[in-house]
Amino acid sequence: MGFVVDIPLWGAIAVAFFLLVGASLTLIGAIGFLRLPTFYERIHAPTLGTSWGIGGIMLASMIYFTLSSQRLVIHEILIGIFVTITTPVTLMLLARAALHRDRAENDLNVPSKFRNEQDD
């Protein structure tokens, strides 16, 4: 059978709230990824969804495991730090690579703001 942990009502409400917020933000990011038309518009939505979505899910996990094990559990913060650092860096690298490729091919999908600039 299963291992059932009894946590206080306020803890269960907090866990449910942060799970719903995190999942909703991740869903919004995924919908933005599917609905936005160009690559440059598309890369922004998932990064916000992963950064803020993981924050909500991470908080829910920390609250649940702190209450269920009756000791402070904060190792999820490491996951949040790694995601927060790597997501924007990955976004910038993907955007710069796509911009370089599109400029080299004289593609009209390059945002007008960046058409006449040269790569560093």
PDB file of N, CA and C in Angstrom:
ATOM      1  N   MET A   1       0.833  -1.179   0.000  1.00  0.00           N
ATOM      2  CA  MET A   1       0.000   0.000   0.000  1.00  0.00           C
ATOM      3  C   MET A   1       0.877   1.241   0.000  1.00  0.00           C
ATOM      4  N   GLY A   2       0.279   2.400   0.115  1.00  0.00           N
ATOM      5  CA  GLY A   2       1.012   3.656   0.014  1.00  0.00           C
ATOM      6  C   GLY A   2       1.374   4.237   1.365  1.00  0.00           C
ATOM      7  N   PHE A   3       2.289   5.146   1.336  1.00  0.00           N
ATOM      8  CA  PHE A   3       2.730   5.878   2.509  1.00  0.00           C
ATOM      9  C   PHE A   3       1.981   7.197   2.542  1.00  0.00           C
ATOM     10  N   VAL A   4       1.120   7.390   3.532  1.00  0.00           N
ATOM     11  CA  VAL A   4       0.287   8.583   3.616  1.00  0.00           C
ATOM     12  C   VAL A   4       0.847   9.503   4.694  1.00  0.00           C
ATOM     13  N   VAL A   5       1.040  10.762   4.324  1.00  0.00           N
ATOM     14  CA  VAL A   5       1.544  11.763   5.258  1.00  0.00           C
ATOM     15  C   VAL A   5       0.426  12.754   5.515  1.00  0.00           C
ATOM     16  N   ASP A   6       0.186  13.040   6.777  1.00  0.00           N
ATOM     17  CA  ASP A   6      -0.848  13.994   7.149  1.00  0.00           C
ATOM     18  C   ASP A   6      -0.188  15.354   7.378  1.00  0.00           C
ATOM     19  N   ILE A   7      -0.499  16.314   6.512  1.00  0.00           N
ATOM     20  CA  ILE A   7       0.039  17.656   6.682  1.00  0.00           C
ATOM     21  C   ILE A   7      -1.101  18.602   7.050  1.00  0.00           C
ATOM     22  N   PRO A   8      -0.790  19.724   7.682  1.00  0.00           N
ATOM     23  CA  PRO A   8      -1.853  20.655   8.077  1.00  0.00           C
ATOM     24  C   PRO A   8      -2.601  21.220   6.870  1.00  0.00           C
ATOM     25  N   LEU A   9      -3.825  21.644   7.120  1.00  0.00           N
ATOM     26  CA  LEU A   9      -4.664  22.194   6.053  1.00  0.00           C
ATOM     27  C   LEU A   9      -4.005  23.396   5.391  1.00  0.00           C
ATOM     28  N   TRP A  10      -3.415  24.308   6.188  1.00  0.00           N
ATOM     29  CA  TRP A  10      -2.779  25.490   5.601  1.00  0.00           C
ATOM     30  C   TRP A  10      -1.619  25.087   4.689  1.00  0.00           C
ATOM     31  N   GLY A  11      -0.914  24.009   5.033  1.00  0.00           N
ATOM     32  CA  GLY A  11       0.182  23.524   4.195  1.00  0.00           C
ATOM     33  C   GLY A  11      -0.328  22.941   2.887  1.00  0.00           C
ATOM     34  N   ALA A  12      -1.423  22.193   2.980  1.00  0.00           N
ATOM     35  CA  ALA A  12      -2.007  21.608   1.772  1.00  0.00           C
ATOM     36  C   ALA A  12      -2.524  22.698   0.835  1.00  0.00           C
ATOM     37  N   ILE A  13      -3.112  23.752   1.406  1.00  0.00           N
ATOM     38  CA  ILE A  13      -3.601  24.869   0.583  1.00  0.00           C
ATOM     39  C   ILE A  13      -2.431  25.597  -0.077  1.00  0.00           C
ATOM     40  N   ALA A  14      -1.356  25.827   0.677  1.00  0.00           N
ATOM     41  CA  ALA A  14      -0.179  26.497   0.116  1.00  0.00           C
ATOM     42  C   ALA A  14       0.450  25.661  -0.994  1.00  0.00           C
ATOM     43  N   VAL A  15       0.575  24.351  -0.769  1.00  0.00           N
ATOM     44  CA  VAL A  15       1.144  23.468  -1.790  1.00  0.00           C
ATOM     45  C   VAL A  15       0.276  23.481  -3.044  1.00  0.00           C
ATOM     46  N   ALA A  16      -1.038  23.361  -2.883  1.00  0.00           N
ATOM     47  CA  ALA A  16      -1.948  23.371  -4.029  1.00  0.00           C
ATOM     48  C   ALA A  16      -1.870  24.697  -4.774  1.00  0.00           C
ATOM     49  N   PHE A  17      -1.814  25.810  -4.025  1.00  0.00           N
ATOM     50  CA  PHE A  17      -1.740  27.132  -4.661  1.00  0.00           C
ATOM     51  C   PHE A  17      -0.481  27.257  -5.512  1.00  0.00           C
ATOM     52  N   PHE A  18       0.677  26.938  -4.929  1.00  0.00           N
ATOM     53  CA  PHE A  18       1.924  27.091  -5.672  1.00  0.00           C
ATOM     54  C   PHE A  18       2.032  26.110  -6.830  1.00  0.00           C
ATOM     55  N   LEU A  19       1.481  24.908  -6.676  1.00  0.00           N
ATOM     56  CA  LEU A  19       1.461  23.966  -7.795  1.00  0.00           C
ATOM     57  C   LEU A  19       0.601  24.493  -8.944  1.00  0.00           C
ATOM     58  N   LEU A  20      -0.575  25.029  -8.610  1.00  0.00           N
ATOM     59  CA  LEU A  20      -1.454  25.569  -9.653  1.00  0.00           C
ATOM     60  C   LEU A  20      -0.834  26.781 -10.342  1.00  0.00           C
ATOM     61  N   VAL A  21      -0.210  27.670  -9.567  1.00  0.00           N
ATOM     62  CA  VAL A  21       0.436  28.851 -10.164  1.00  0.00           C
ATOM     63  C   VAL A  21       1.586  28.411 -11.069  1.00  0.00           C
ATOM     64  N   GLY A  22       2.439  27.518 -10.582  1.00  0.00           N
ATOM     65  CA  GLY A  22       3.567  27.047 -11.382  1.00  0.00           C
ATOM     66  C   GLY A  22       3.128  26.324 -12.642  1.00  0.00           C
ATOM     67  N   ALA A  23       2.145  25.454 -12.506  1.00  0.00           N
ATOM     68  CA  ALA A  23       1.642  24.725 -13.670  1.00  0.00           C
ATOM     69  C   ALA A  23       0.962  25.661 -14.663  1.00  0.00           C
ATOM     70  N   SER A  24       0.239  26.661 -14.159  1.00  0.00           N
ATOM     71  CA  SER A  24      -0.427  27.629 -15.045  1.00  0.00           C
ATOM     72  C   SER A  24       0.587  28.450 -15.832  1.00  0.00           C
ATOM     73  N   LEU A  25       1.637  28.898 -15.161  1.00  0.00           N
ATOM     74  CA  LEU A  25       2.666  29.678 -15.862  1.00  0.00           C
ATOM     75  C   LEU A  25       3.397  28.834 -16.896  1.00  0.00           C
ATOM     76  N   THR A  26       3.645  27.586 -16.568  1.00  0.00           N
ATOM     77  CA  THR A  26       4.276  26.688 -17.532  1.00  0.00           C
ATOM     78  C   THR A  26       3.348  26.437 -18.718  1.00  0.00           C
ATOM     79  N   LEU A  27       2.063  26.272 -18.454  1.00  0.00           N
ATOM     80  CA  LEU A  27       1.095  26.088 -19.534  1.00  0.00           C
ATOM     81  C   LEU A  27       1.009  27.327 -20.422  1.00  0.00           C
ATOM     82  N   ILE A  28       1.020  28.508 -19.829  1.00  0.00           N
ATOM     83  CA  ILE A  28       0.992  29.751 -20.611  1.00  0.00           C
ATOM     84  C   ILE A  28       2.227  29.826 -21.511  1.00  0.00           C
ATOM     85  N   GLY A  29       3.386  29.444 -20.972  1.00  0.00           N
ATOM     86  CA  GLY A  29       4.600  29.425 -21.782  1.00  0.00           C
ATOM     87  C   GLY A  29       4.502  28.444 -22.940  1.00  0.00           C
ATOM     88  N   ALA A  30       3.930  27.277 -22.691  1.00  0.00           N
ATOM     89  CA  ALA A  30       3.777  26.277 -23.746  1.00  0.00           C
ATOM     90  C   ALA A  30       2.785  26.742 -24.813  1.00  0.00           C
ATOM     91  N   ILE A  31       1.709  27.370 -24.390  1.00  0.00           N
ATOM     92  CA  ILE A  31       0.734  27.896 -25.361  1.00  0.00           C
ATOM     93  C   ILE A  31       1.363  29.015 -26.186  1.00  0.00           C
ATOM     94  N   GLY A  32       2.123  29.887 -25.530  1.00  0.00           N
ATOM     95  CA  GLY A  32       2.827  30.945 -26.254  1.00  0.00           C
ATOM     96  C   GLY A  32       3.799  30.373 -27.263  1.00  0.00           C
ATOM     97  N   PHE A  33       4.465  29.294 -26.897  1.00  0.00           N
ATOM     98  CA  PHE A  33       5.399  28.643 -27.812  1.00  0.00           C
ATOM     99  C   PHE A  33       4.681  28.119 -29.051  1.00  0.00           C
ATOM    100  N   LEU A  34       3.487  27.584 -28.859  1.00  0.00           N
ATOM    101  CA  LEU A  34       2.734  27.041 -29.988  1.00  0.00           C
ATOM    102  C   LEU A  34       2.066  28.120 -30.837  1.00  0.00           C
ATOM    103  N   ARG A  35       1.603  29.195 -30.210  1.00  0.00           N
ATOM    104  CA  ARG A  35       0.767  30.169 -30.898  1.00  0.00           C
ATOM    105  C   ARG A  35       1.527  31.303 -31.582  1.00  0.00           C
ATOM    106  N   LEU A  36       2.686  31.680 -31.054  1.00  0.00           N
ATOM    107  CA  LEU A  36       3.392  32.829 -31.619  1.00  0.00           C
ATOM    108  C   LEU A  36       4.001  32.452 -32.967  1.00  0.00           C
ATOM    109  N   PRO A  37       3.981  33.375 -33.933  1.00  0.00           N
ATOM    110  CA  PRO A  37       4.309  33.013 -35.307  1.00  0.00           C
ATOM    111  C   PRO A  37       5.796  32.864 -35.639  1.00  0.00           C
ATOM    112  N   THR A  38       6.668  33.705 -35.105  1.00  0.00           N
ATOM    113  CA  THR A  38       8.072  33.658 -35.521  1.00  0.00           C
ATOM    114  C   THR A  38       8.952  33.126 -34.402  1.00  0.00           C
ATOM    115  N   PHE A  39      10.128  32.676 -34.797  1.00  0.00           N
ATOM    116  CA  PHE A  39      11.077  32.136 -33.824  1.00  0.00           C
ATOM    117  C   PHE A  39      11.418  33.168 -32.759  1.00  0.00           C
ATOM    118  N   TYR A  40      11.618  34.404 -33.164  1.00  0.00           N
ATOM    119  CA  TYR A  40      12.028  35.456 -32.227  1.00  0.00           C
ATOM    120  C   TYR A  40      10.943  35.765 -31.192  1.00  0.00           C
ATOM    121  N   GLU A  41       9.697  35.657 -31.581  1.00  0.00           N
ATOM    122  CA  GLU A  41       8.606  35.846 -30.627  1.00  0.00           C
ATOM    123  C   GLU A  41       8.418  34.580 -29.778  1.00  0.00           C
ATOM    124  N   ARG A  42       8.669  33.442 -30.388  1.00  0.00           N
ATOM    125  CA  ARG A  42       8.416  32.161 -29.756  1.00  0.00           C
ATOM    126  C   ARG A  42       9.381  31.840 -28.608  1.00  0.00           C
ATOM    127  N   ILE A  43      10.605  32.339 -28.663  1.00  0.00           N
ATOM    128  CA  ILE A  43      11.572  31.950 -27.632  1.00  0.00           C
ATOM    129  C   ILE A  43      11.328  32.637 -26.295  1.00  0.00           C
ATOM    130  N   HIS A  44      10.566  33.703 -26.279  1.00  0.00           N
ATOM    131  CA  HIS A  44      10.361  34.441 -25.034  1.00  0.00           C
ATOM    132  C   HIS A  44       9.376  33.749 -24.087  1.00  0.00           C
ATOM    133  N   ALA A  45       8.275  33.275 -24.604  1.00  0.00           N
ATOM    134  CA  ALA A  45       7.223  32.694 -23.762  1.00  0.00           C
ATOM    135  C   ALA A  45       7.682  31.464 -22.969  1.00  0.00           C
ATOM    136  N   PRO A  46       8.364  30.501 -23.585  1.00  0.00           N
ATOM    137  CA  PRO A  46       8.765  29.332 -22.793  1.00  0.00           C
ATOM    138  C   PRO A  46       9.791  29.651 -21.709  1.00  0.00           C
ATOM    139  N   THR A  47      10.637  30.647 -21.942  1.00  0.00           N
ATOM    140  CA  THR A  47      11.627  30.970 -20.907  1.00  0.00           C
ATOM    141  C   THR A  47      10.949  31.547 -19.681  1.00  0.00           C
ATOM    142  N   LEU A  48       9.938  32.366 -19.875  1.00  0.00           N
ATOM    143  CA  LEU A  48       9.198  32.876 -18.718  1.00  0.00           C
ATOM    144  C   LEU A  48       8.429  31.754 -18.040  1.00  0.00           C
ATOM    145  N   GLY A  49       7.863  30.871 -18.845  1.00  0.00           N
ATOM    146  CA  GLY A  49       7.122  29.737 -18.277  1.00  0.00           C
ATOM    147  C   GLY A  49       8.011  28.821 -17.462  1.00  0.00           C
ATOM    148  N   THR A  50       9.215  28.561 -17.949  1.00  0.00           N
ATOM    149  CA  THR A  50      10.088  27.669 -17.181  1.00  0.00           C
ATOM    150  C   THR A  50      10.635  28.362 -15.938  1.00  0.00           C
ATOM    151  N   SER A  51      11.039  29.600 -16.062  1.00  0.00           N
ATOM    152  CA  SER A  51      11.616  30.297 -14.900  1.00  0.00           C
ATOM    153  C   SER A  51      10.594  30.488 -13.791  1.00  0.00           C
ATOM    154  N   TRP A  52       9.469  31.098 -14.111  1.00  0.00           N
ATOM    155  CA  TRP A  52       8.468  31.369 -13.076  1.00  0.00           C
ATOM    156  C   TRP A  52       7.663  30.122 -12.736  1.00  0.00           C
ATOM    157  N   GLY A  53       7.454  29.257 -13.713  1.00  0.00           N
ATOM    158  CA  GLY A  53       6.727  28.015 -13.452  1.00  0.00           C
ATOM    159  C   GLY A  53       7.496  27.107 -12.508  1.00  0.00           C
ATOM    160  N   ILE A  54       8.808  26.984 -12.734  1.00  0.00           N
ATOM    161  CA  ILE A  54       9.609  26.149 -11.841  1.00  0.00           C
ATOM    162  C   ILE A  54       9.648  26.754 -10.446  1.00  0.00           C
ATOM    163  N   GLY A  55       9.554  28.077 -10.338  1.00  0.00           N
ATOM    164  CA  GLY A  55       9.535  28.732  -9.029  1.00  0.00           C
ATOM    165  C   GLY A  55       8.337  28.309  -8.204  1.00  0.00           C
ATOM    166  N   GLY A  56       7.168  28.284  -8.821  1.00  0.00           N
ATOM    167  CA  GLY A  56       5.959  27.870  -8.110  1.00  0.00           C
ATOM    168  C   GLY A  56       5.992  26.402  -7.710  1.00  0.00           C
ATOM    169  N   ILE A  57       6.417  25.555  -8.619  1.00  0.00           N
ATOM    170  CA  ILE A  57       6.490  24.124  -8.330  1.00  0.00           C
ATOM    171  C   ILE A  57       7.568  23.850  -7.280  1.00  0.00           C
ATOM    172  N   MET A  58       8.662  24.591  -7.352  1.00  0.00           N
ATOM    173  CA  MET A  58       9.739  24.438  -6.371  1.00  0.00           C
ATOM    174  C   MET A  58       9.271  24.829  -4.969  1.00  0.00           C
ATOM    175  N   LEU A  59       8.551  25.941  -4.859  1.00  0.00           N
ATOM    176  CA  LEU A  59       8.024  26.349  -3.556  1.00  0.00           C
ATOM    177  C   LEU A  59       7.041  25.316  -2.995  1.00  0.00           C
ATOM    178  N   ALA A  60       6.183  24.796  -3.859  1.00  0.00           N
ATOM    179  CA  ALA A  60       5.234  23.768  -3.418  1.00  0.00           C
ATOM    180  C   ALA A  60       5.979  22.534  -2.903  1.00  0.00           C
ATOM    181  N   SER A  61       7.008  22.131  -3.606  1.00  0.00           N
ATOM    182  CA  SER A  61       7.785  20.970  -3.189  1.00  0.00           C
ATOM    183  C   SER A  61       8.491  21.215  -1.864  1.00  0.00           C
ATOM    184  N   MET A  62       9.062  22.401  -1.701  1.00  0.00           N
ATOM    185  CA  MET A  62       9.753  22.718  -0.450  1.00  0.00           C
ATOM    186  C   MET A  62       8.786  22.714   0.731  1.00  0.00           C
ATOM    187  N   ILE A  63       7.612  23.290   0.543  1.00  0.00           N
ATOM    188  CA  ILE A  63       6.618  23.319   1.625  1.00  0.00           C
ATOM    189  C   ILE A  63       6.159  21.908   1.963  1.00  0.00           C
ATOM    190  N   TYR A  64       5.827  21.124   0.943  1.00  0.00           N
ATOM    191  CA  TYR A  64       5.323  19.768   1.194  1.00  0.00           C
ATOM    192  C   TYR A  64       6.348  18.907   1.926  1.00  0.00           C
ATOM    193  N   PHE A  65       7.577  18.879   1.410  1.00  0.00           N
ATOM    194  CA  PHE A  65       8.568  17.991   2.020  1.00  0.00           C
ATOM    195  C   PHE A  65       9.070  18.511   3.367  1.00  0.00           C
ATOM    196  N   THR A  66       9.024  19.809   3.578  1.00  0.00           N
ATOM    197  CA  THR A  66       9.345  20.336   4.906  1.00  0.00           C
ATOM    198  C   THR A  66       8.292  19.903   5.914  1.00  0.00           C
ATOM    199  N   LEU A  67       7.027  20.001   5.547  1.00  0.00           N
ATOM    200  CA  LEU A  67       5.952  19.603   6.468  1.00  0.00           C
ATOM    201  C   LEU A  67       5.879  18.090   6.659  1.00  0.00           C
ATOM    202  N   SER A  68       6.106  17.329   5.595  1.00  0.00           N
ATOM    203  CA  SER A  68       5.964  15.880   5.714  1.00  0.00           C
ATOM    204  C   SER A  68       7.141  15.224   6.435  1.00  0.00           C
ATOM    205  N   SER A  69       8.332  15.780   6.295  1.00  0.00           N
ATOM    206  CA  SER A  69       9.488  15.184   6.972  1.00  0.00           C
ATOM    207  C   SER A  69       9.790  15.863   8.308  1.00  0.00           C
ATOM    208  N   GLN A  70       9.079  16.938   8.595  1.00  0.00           N
ATOM    209  CA  GLN A  70       9.221  17.695   9.840  1.00  0.00           C
ATOM    210  C   GLN A  70      10.650  18.198  10.059  1.00  0.00           C
ATOM    211  N   ARG A  71      11.292  18.578   8.955  1.00  0.00           N
ATOM    212  CA  ARG A  71      12.591  19.246   8.999  1.00  0.00           C
ATOM    213  C   ARG A  71      12.675  20.146   7.769  1.00  0.00           C
ATOM    214  N   LEU A  72      13.537  21.133   7.824  1.00  0.00           N
ATOM    215  CA  LEU A  72      13.653  22.092   6.726  1.00  0.00           C
ATOM    216  C   LEU A  72      14.266  21.425   5.498  1.00  0.00           C
ATOM    217  N   VAL A  73      13.547  21.453   4.395  1.00  0.00           N
ATOM    218  CA  VAL A  73      14.015  20.874   3.136  1.00  0.00           C
ATOM    219  C   VAL A  73      14.091  22.001   2.112  1.00  0.00           C
ATOM    220  N   ILE A  74      15.305  22.360   1.737  1.00  0.00           N
ATOM    221  CA  ILE A  74      15.467  23.474   0.789  1.00  0.00           C
ATOM    222  C   ILE A  74      16.399  23.131  -0.367  1.00  0.00           C
ATOM    223  N   HIS A  75      16.699  21.846  -0.580  1.00  0.00           N
ATOM    224  CA  HIS A  75      17.613  21.507  -1.668  1.00  0.00           C
ATOM    225  C   HIS A  75      17.024  21.812  -3.042  1.00  0.00           C
ATOM    226  N   GLU A  76      15.716  22.032  -3.127  1.00  0.00           N
ATOM    227  CA  GLU A  76      15.099  22.412  -4.400  1.00  0.00           C
ATOM    228  C   GLU A  76      15.587  23.777  -4.875  1.00  0.00           C
ATOM    229  N   ILE A  77      16.090  24.581  -3.944  1.00  0.00           N
ATOM    230  CA  ILE A  77      16.598  25.904  -4.326  1.00  0.00           C
ATOM    231  C   ILE A  77      17.729  25.765  -5.352  1.00  0.00           C
ATOM    232  N   LEU A  78      18.539  24.716  -5.233  1.00  0.00           N
ATOM    233  CA  LEU A  78      19.606  24.491  -6.214  1.00  0.00           C
ATOM    234  C   LEU A  78      19.038  24.307  -7.617  1.00  0.00           C
ATOM    235  N   ILE A  79      17.967  23.557  -7.724  1.00  0.00           N
ATOM    236  CA  ILE A  79      17.320  23.361  -9.028  1.00  0.00           C
ATOM    237  C   ILE A  79      16.840  24.706  -9.559  1.00  0.00           C
ATOM    238  N   GLY A  80      16.194  25.488  -8.704  1.00  0.00           N
ATOM    239  CA  GLY A  80      15.720  26.807  -9.119  1.00  0.00           C
ATOM    240  C   GLY A  80      16.843  27.717  -9.566  1.00  0.00           C
ATOM    241  N   ILE A  81      17.957  27.688  -8.857  1.00  0.00           N
ATOM    242  CA  ILE A  81      19.110  28.521  -9.241  1.00  0.00           C
ATOM    243  C   ILE A  81      19.650  28.097 -10.603  1.00  0.00           C
ATOM    244  N   PHE A  82      19.817  26.785 -10.799  1.00  0.00           N
ATOM    245  CA  PHE A  82      20.339  26.309 -12.078  1.00  0.00           C
ATOM    246  C   PHE A  82      19.407  26.647 -13.236  1.00  0.00           C
ATOM    247  N   VAL A  83      18.115  26.480 -13.043  1.00  0.00           N
ATOM    248  CA  VAL A  83      17.156  26.813 -14.105  1.00  0.00           C
ATOM    249  C   VAL A  83      17.149  28.317 -14.366  1.00  0.00           C
ATOM    250  N   THR A  84      17.192  29.115 -13.305  1.00  0.00           N
ATOM    251  CA  THR A  84      17.178  30.567 -13.458  1.00  0.00           C
ATOM    252  C   THR A  84      18.423  31.077 -14.174  1.00  0.00           C
ATOM    253  N   ILE A  85      19.553  30.432 -13.961  1.00  0.00           N
ATOM    254  CA  ILE A  85      20.787  30.852 -14.624  1.00  0.00           C
ATOM    255  C   ILE A  85      20.849  30.338 -16.059  1.00  0.00           C
ATOM    256  N   THR A  86      20.507  29.086 -16.270  1.00  0.00           N
ATOM    257  CA  THR A  86      20.698  28.496 -17.596  1.00  0.00           C
ATOM    258  C   THR A  86      19.646  28.908 -18.618  1.00  0.00           C
ATOM    259  N   THR A  87      18.430  29.170 -18.198  1.00  0.00           N
ATOM    260  CA  THR A  87      17.373  29.503 -19.150  1.00  0.00           C
ATOM    261  C   THR A  87      17.644  30.801 -19.912  1.00  0.00           C
ATOM    262  N   PRO A  88      17.957  31.933 -19.253  1.00  0.00           N
ATOM    263  CA  PRO A  88      18.233  33.146 -20.022  1.00  0.00           C
ATOM    264  C   PRO A  88      19.490  33.050 -20.884  1.00  0.00           C
ATOM    265  N   VAL A  89      20.498  32.332 -20.406  1.00  0.00           N
ATOM    266  CA  VAL A  89      21.718  32.165 -21.188  1.00  0.00           C
ATOM    267  C   VAL A  89      21.408  31.378 -22.464  1.00  0.00           C
ATOM    268  N   THR A  90      20.631  30.322 -22.324  1.00  0.00           N
ATOM    269  CA  THR A  90      20.234  29.530 -23.486  1.00  0.00           C
ATOM    270  C   THR A  90      19.405  30.360 -24.454  1.00  0.00           C
ATOM    271  N   LEU A  91      18.492  31.177 -23.922  1.00  0.00           N
ATOM    272  CA  LEU A  91      17.679  32.060 -24.758  1.00  0.00           C
ATOM    273  C   LEU A  91      18.558  33.000 -25.571  1.00  0.00           C
ATOM    274  N   MET A  92      19.535  33.621 -24.925  1.00  0.00           N
ATOM    275  CA  MET A  92      20.412  34.563 -25.637  1.00  0.00           C
ATOM    276  C   MET A  92      21.241  33.857 -26.702  1.00  0.00           C
ATOM    277  N   LEU A  93      21.766  32.674 -26.384  1.00  0.00           N
ATOM    278  CA  LEU A  93      22.562  31.942 -27.367  1.00  0.00           C
ATOM    279  C   LEU A  93      21.726  31.516 -28.563  1.00  0.00           C
ATOM    280  N   LEU A  94      20.517  31.021 -28.328  1.00  0.00           N
ATOM    281  CA  LEU A  94      19.638  30.635 -29.434  1.00  0.00           C
ATOM    282  C   LEU A  94      19.252  31.837 -30.291  1.00  0.00           C
ATOM    283  N   ALA A  95      18.927  32.952 -29.645  1.00  0.00           N
ATOM    284  CA  ALA A  95      18.521  34.146 -30.387  1.00  0.00           C
ATOM    285  C   ALA A  95      19.676  34.693 -31.231  1.00  0.00           C
ATOM    286  N   ARG A  96      20.875  34.730 -30.660  1.00  0.00           N
ATOM    287  CA  ARG A  96      22.021  35.248 -31.412  1.00  0.00           C
ATOM    288  C   ARG A  96      22.388  34.323 -32.571  1.00  0.00           C
ATOM    289  N   ALA A  97      22.294  33.017 -32.364  1.00  0.00           N
ATOM    290  CA  ALA A  97      22.586  32.071 -33.445  1.00  0.00           C
ATOM    291  C   ALA A  97      21.563  32.211 -34.571  1.00  0.00           C
ATOM    292  N   ALA A  98      20.293  32.341 -34.217  1.00  0.00           N
ATOM    293  CA  ALA A  98      19.250  32.509 -35.234  1.00  0.00           C
ATOM    294  C   ALA A  98      19.412  33.846 -35.954  1.00  0.00           C
ATOM    295  N   LEU A  99      19.744  34.887 -35.217  1.00  0.00           N
ATOM    296  CA  LEU A  99      19.948  36.208 -35.828  1.00  0.00           C
ATOM    297  C   LEU A  99      21.127  36.179 -36.793  1.00  0.00           C
ATOM    298  N   HIS A 100      22.216  35.555 -36.390  1.00  0.00           N
ATOM    299  CA  HIS A 100      23.384  35.442 -37.272  1.00  0.00           C
ATOM    300  C   HIS A 100      23.033  34.657 -38.540  1.00  0.00           C
ATOM    301  N   ARG A 101      22.322  33.536 -38.377  1.00  0.00           N
ATOM    302  CA  ARG A 101      21.924  32.722 -39.519  1.00  0.00           C
ATOM    303  C   ARG A 101      21.011  33.501 -40.459  1.00  0.00           C
ATOM    304  N   ASP A 102      20.018  34.173 -39.885  1.00  0.00           N
ATOM    305  CA  ASP A 102      19.062  34.902 -40.716  1.00  0.00           C
ATOM    306  C   ASP A 102      19.709  36.082 -41.431  1.00  0.00           C
ATOM    307  N   ARG A 103      20.641  36.755 -40.778  1.00  0.00           N
ATOM    308  CA  ARG A 103      21.352  37.851 -41.453  1.00  0.00           C
ATOM    309  C   ARG A 103      22.213  37.323 -42.587  1.00  0.00           C
ATOM    310  N   ALA A 104      22.891  36.197 -42.370  1.00  0.00           N
ATOM    311  CA  ALA A 104      23.756  35.621 -43.400  1.00  0.00           C
ATOM    312  C   ALA A 104      22.946  35.185 -44.615  1.00  0.00           C
ATOM    313  N   GLU A 105      21.723  34.760 -44.388  1.00  0.00           N
ATOM    314  CA  GLU A 105      20.860  34.323 -45.487  1.00  0.00           C
ATOM    315  C   GLU A 105      19.989  35.441 -46.034  1.00  0.00           C
ATOM    316  N   ASN A 106      20.148  36.659 -45.495  1.00  0.00           N
ATOM    317  CA  ASN A 106      19.306  37.809 -45.870  1.00  0.00           C
ATOM    318  C   ASN A 106      17.824  37.478 -45.740  1.00  0.00           C
ATOM    319  N   ASP A 107      17.496  36.803 -44.678  1.00  0.00           N
ATOM    320  CA  ASP A 107      16.123  36.394 -44.412  1.00  0.00           C
ATOM    321  C   ASP A 107      15.319  37.595 -43.917  1.00  0.00           C
ATOM    322  N   LEU A 108      14.089  37.717 -44.378  1.00  0.00           N
ATOM    323  CA  LEU A 108      13.240  38.837 -43.971  1.00  0.00           C
ATOM    324  C   LEU A 108      12.578  38.614 -42.617  1.00  0.00           C
ATOM    325  N   ASN A 109      12.791  37.442 -41.995  1.00  0.00           N
ATOM    326  CA  ASN A 109      12.227  37.187 -40.675  1.00  0.00           C
ATOM    327  C   ASN A 109      12.996  37.883 -39.560  1.00  0.00           C
ATOM    328  N   VAL A 110      14.130  38.490 -39.894  1.00  0.00           N
ATOM    329  CA  VAL A 110      14.899  39.213 -38.882  1.00  0.00           C
ATOM    330  C   VAL A 110      14.083  40.426 -38.452  1.00  0.00           C
ATOM    331  N   PRO A 111      13.918  40.616 -37.148  1.00  0.00           N
ATOM    332  CA  PRO A 111      13.180  41.804 -36.697  1.00  0.00           C
ATOM    333  C   PRO A 111      13.812  43.072 -37.252  1.00  0.00           C
ATOM    334  N   SER A 112      12.986  44.010 -37.676  1.00  0.00           N
ATOM    335  CA  SER A 112      13.484  45.222 -38.334  1.00  0.00           C
ATOM    336  C   SER A 112      14.480  45.982 -37.463  1.00  0.00           C
ATOM    337  N   LYS A 113      14.324  45.892 -36.182  1.00  0.00           N
ATOM    338  CA  LYS A 113      15.228  46.564 -35.247  1.00  0.00           C
ATOM    339  C   LYS A 113      16.671  46.069 -35.406  1.00  0.00           C
ATOM    340  N   PHE A 114      16.858  44.830 -35.861  1.00  0.00           N
ATOM    341  CA  PHE A 114      18.176  44.233 -35.926  1.00  0.00           C
ATOM    342  C   PHE A 114      18.681  44.008 -37.343  1.00  0.00           C
ATOM    343  N   ARG A 115      17.993  44.477 -38.347  1.00  0.00           N
ATOM    344  CA  ARG A 115      18.383  44.175 -39.733  1.00  0.00           C
ATOM    345  C   ARG A 115      19.685  44.829 -40.141  1.00  0.00           C
ATOM    346  N   ASN A 116      19.953  46.049 -39.730  1.00  0.00           N
ATOM    347  CA  ASN A 116      21.111  46.776 -40.212  1.00  0.00           C
ATOM    348  C   ASN A 116      22.316  46.711 -39.278  1.00  0.00           C
ATOM    349  N   GLU A 117      22.162  46.077 -38.107  1.00  0.00           N
ATOM    350  CA  GLU A 117      23.290  45.962 -37.183  1.00  0.00           C
ATOM    351  C   GLU A 117      24.227  44.856 -37.643  1.00  0.00           C
ATOM    352  N   GLN A 118      25.465  44.948 -37.228  1.00  0.00           N
ATOM    353  CA  GLN A 118      26.441  43.896 -37.507  1.00  0.00           C
ATOM    354  C   GLN A 118      26.669  43.071 -36.265  1.00  0.00           C
ATOM    355  N   ASP A 119      27.001  41.787 -36.448  1.00  0.00           N
ATOM    356  CA  ASP A 119      27.327  40.930 -35.306  1.00  0.00           C
ATOM    357  C   ASP A 119      28.604  41.409 -34.637  1.00  0.00           C
ATOM    358  N   ASP A 120      28.704  41.193 -33.335  1.00  0.00           N
ATOM    359  CA  ASP A 120      29.921  41.568 -32.602  1.00  0.00           C
ATOM    360  C   ASP A 120      31.082  40.703 -33.011  1.00  0.00           C
TER     361      ASP A 120
END
